[in-house]
């Protein structure tokens, strides 16, 4: 079963995303902030990550930077970035190489489709 990590500081959004992905048959693990997210990417054997950008302390862009540094410029698993910031989305795409980005607020069906696309792309080529 595909295991997806949700890194989201808003408990309502985390619960929504968890419910959507569990309904689709994915196993879901959650983290409430970037620090816990980094720990779980490193230790929880996840297949993909849905990562919020705007979080206190360690935000999503810092999580991405840290993972890129640790893995010689590539991401260890596919990552879908969620952001309500156009600047944040652009930075994740252009500077950090993330291909899967969804704007917040998001349509639940679109989120599920983006996760499917991200996972399909990961089986066809390099992760990000």
Protein backbone atom coordinates (compact mmCIF):
# COMPACT_ATOMS: atom_id res chain seq x y z
CA UNK A 1 0.00 0.00 0.00
CA UNK A 2 1.29 3.46 -0.88
CA UNK A 3 2.15 5.46 2.23
CA UNK A 4 1.80 9.25 2.04
CA UNK A 5 3.03 11.78 4.59
CA UNK A 6 0.90 14.90 5.08
CA UNK A 7 2.88 17.83 6.53
CA UNK A 8 0.31 20.47 7.48
CA UNK A 9 0.03 22.73 10.53
CA UNK A 10 -3.72 23.41 10.15
CA UNK A 11 -5.52 20.45 11.78
CA UNK A 12 -8.65 20.94 9.67
CA UNK A 13 -6.73 20.86 6.40
CA UNK A 14 -4.67 17.89 7.61
CA UNK A 15 -7.86 15.99 8.51
CA UNK A 16 -9.44 16.80 5.14
CA UNK A 17 -6.40 15.68 3.14
CA UNK A 18 -6.02 12.57 5.30
CA UNK A 19 -9.66 11.61 4.80
CA UNK A 20 -9.50 12.17 1.03
CA UNK A 21 -6.38 10.07 0.60
CA UNK A 22 -7.49 7.29 2.93
CA UNK A 23 -10.76 7.08 1.01
CA UNK A 24 -8.67 6.56 -2.14
CA UNK A 25 -6.88 3.64 -0.48
CA UNK A 26 -3.63 5.27 0.57
CA UNK A 27 -2.07 4.82 3.99
CA UNK A 28 -1.55 8.25 5.55
CA UNK A 29 0.94 9.48 8.13
CA UNK A 30 0.78 13.07 9.39
CA UNK A 31 3.18 15.68 10.73
CA UNK A 32 2.10 18.97 12.29
CA UNK A 33 5.13 21.03 11.26
CA UNK A 34 8.25 21.04 9.13
CA UNK A 35 10.55 19.62 11.80
CA UNK A 36 8.30 16.62 12.40
CA UNK A 37 7.86 16.30 8.62
CA UNK A 38 11.62 16.08 8.09
CA UNK A 39 11.89 13.46 10.81
CA UNK A 40 9.13 11.36 9.25
CA UNK A 41 10.49 11.64 5.71
CA UNK A 42 13.79 10.34 7.06
CA UNK A 43 12.33 7.63 9.33
CA UNK A 44 8.75 6.66 8.48
CA UNK A 45 9.32 4.89 5.13
CA UNK A 46 6.92 7.03 3.10
CA UNK A 47 6.36 6.83 -0.66
CA UNK A 48 5.30 10.46 -1.17
CA UNK A 49 4.69 13.72 0.70
CA UNK A 50 1.96 16.37 0.59
CA UNK A 51 3.71 19.43 2.02
CA UNK A 52 2.28 22.77 3.12
CA UNK A 53 4.57 25.72 2.42
CA UNK A 54 3.41 28.26 5.00
CA UNK A 55 4.13 26.82 8.45
CA UNK A 56 5.71 28.32 11.56
CA UNK A 57 9.34 27.63 12.44
CA UNK A 58 10.53 25.42 9.57
CA UNK A 59 8.35 26.14 6.54
CA UNK A 60 7.86 23.92 3.52
CA UNK A 61 10.55 25.60 1.42
CA UNK A 62 13.10 24.97 4.17
CA UNK A 63 11.98 21.33 4.35
CA UNK A 64 12.57 21.04 0.59
CA UNK A 65 15.97 22.75 0.84
CA UNK A 66 17.04 20.43 3.64
CA UNK A 67 15.96 17.31 1.73
CA UNK A 68 17.74 18.50 -1.42
CA UNK A 69 20.93 19.11 0.57
CA UNK A 70 20.74 15.66 2.15
CA UNK A 71 20.13 13.87 -1.16
CA UNK A 72 22.64 15.53 -3.51
CA UNK A 73 20.13 17.87 -5.16
CA UNK A 74 17.26 15.44 -5.66
CA UNK A 75 14.24 14.70 -3.52
CA UNK A 76 14.07 11.29 -1.82
CA UNK A 77 10.34 10.88 -2.60
CA UNK A 78 7.80 12.69 -4.79
CA UNK A 79 6.43 15.80 -3.11
CA UNK A 80 3.20 17.70 -3.78
CA UNK A 81 3.44 21.23 -2.43
CA UNK A 82 0.30 23.01 -1.18
CA UNK A 83 0.45 26.79 -0.99
CA UNK A 84 -1.78 29.84 -0.96
CA UNK A 85 1.14 31.98 -2.11
CA UNK A 86 1.96 32.59 -5.77
CA UNK A 87 5.51 33.49 -4.74
CA UNK A 88 5.78 30.29 -2.71
CA UNK A 89 4.57 28.19 -5.66
CA UNK A 90 7.02 29.88 -8.03
CA UNK A 91 9.91 29.41 -5.61
CA UNK A 92 9.12 25.72 -5.16
CA UNK A 93 8.94 25.19 -8.92
CA UNK A 94 11.80 27.37 -10.15
CA UNK A 95 14.35 27.24 -7.36
CA UNK A 96 13.62 23.93 -5.68
CA UNK A 97 12.58 21.86 -8.69
CA UNK A 98 9.21 20.69 -7.43
CA UNK A 99 6.87 19.78 -10.29
CA UNK A 100 3.71 19.04 -8.29
CA UNK A 101 2.10 22.15 -6.80
CA UNK A 102 -1.52 22.83 -5.83
CA UNK A 103 -2.98 26.16 -4.77
CA UNK A 104 -4.80 26.59 -1.48
CA UNK A 105 -7.68 26.61 -1.09
CA UNK A 106 -7.91 23.53 -3.29
CA UNK A 107 -10.67 21.47 -4.85
CA UNK A 108 -10.62 18.04 -3.14
CA UNK A 109 -10.97 16.20 -6.45
CA UNK A 110 -8.05 18.16 -7.90
CA UNK A 111 -5.89 17.31 -4.89
CA UNK A 112 -6.55 13.59 -5.31
CA UNK A 113 -5.84 13.82 -9.04
CA UNK A 114 -2.55 15.67 -8.42
CA UNK A 115 -1.48 12.99 -5.96
CA UNK A 116 -2.26 10.28 -8.54
CA UNK A 117 -0.34 12.20 -11.24
CA UNK A 118 2.63 12.74 -8.93
CA UNK A 119 2.82 9.06 -8.05
CA UNK A 120 2.44 8.00 -11.69
CA UNK A 121 5.20 10.40 -12.76
CA UNK A 122 7.45 9.04 -10.00
CA UNK A 123 7.19 5.55 -11.45
CA UNK A 124 8.09 6.92 -14.90
CA UNK A 125 11.10 9.06 -14.00
CA UNK A 126 13.08 10.92 -11.33
CA UNK A 127 11.29 12.00 -8.16
CA UNK A 128 10.30 15.56 -7.30
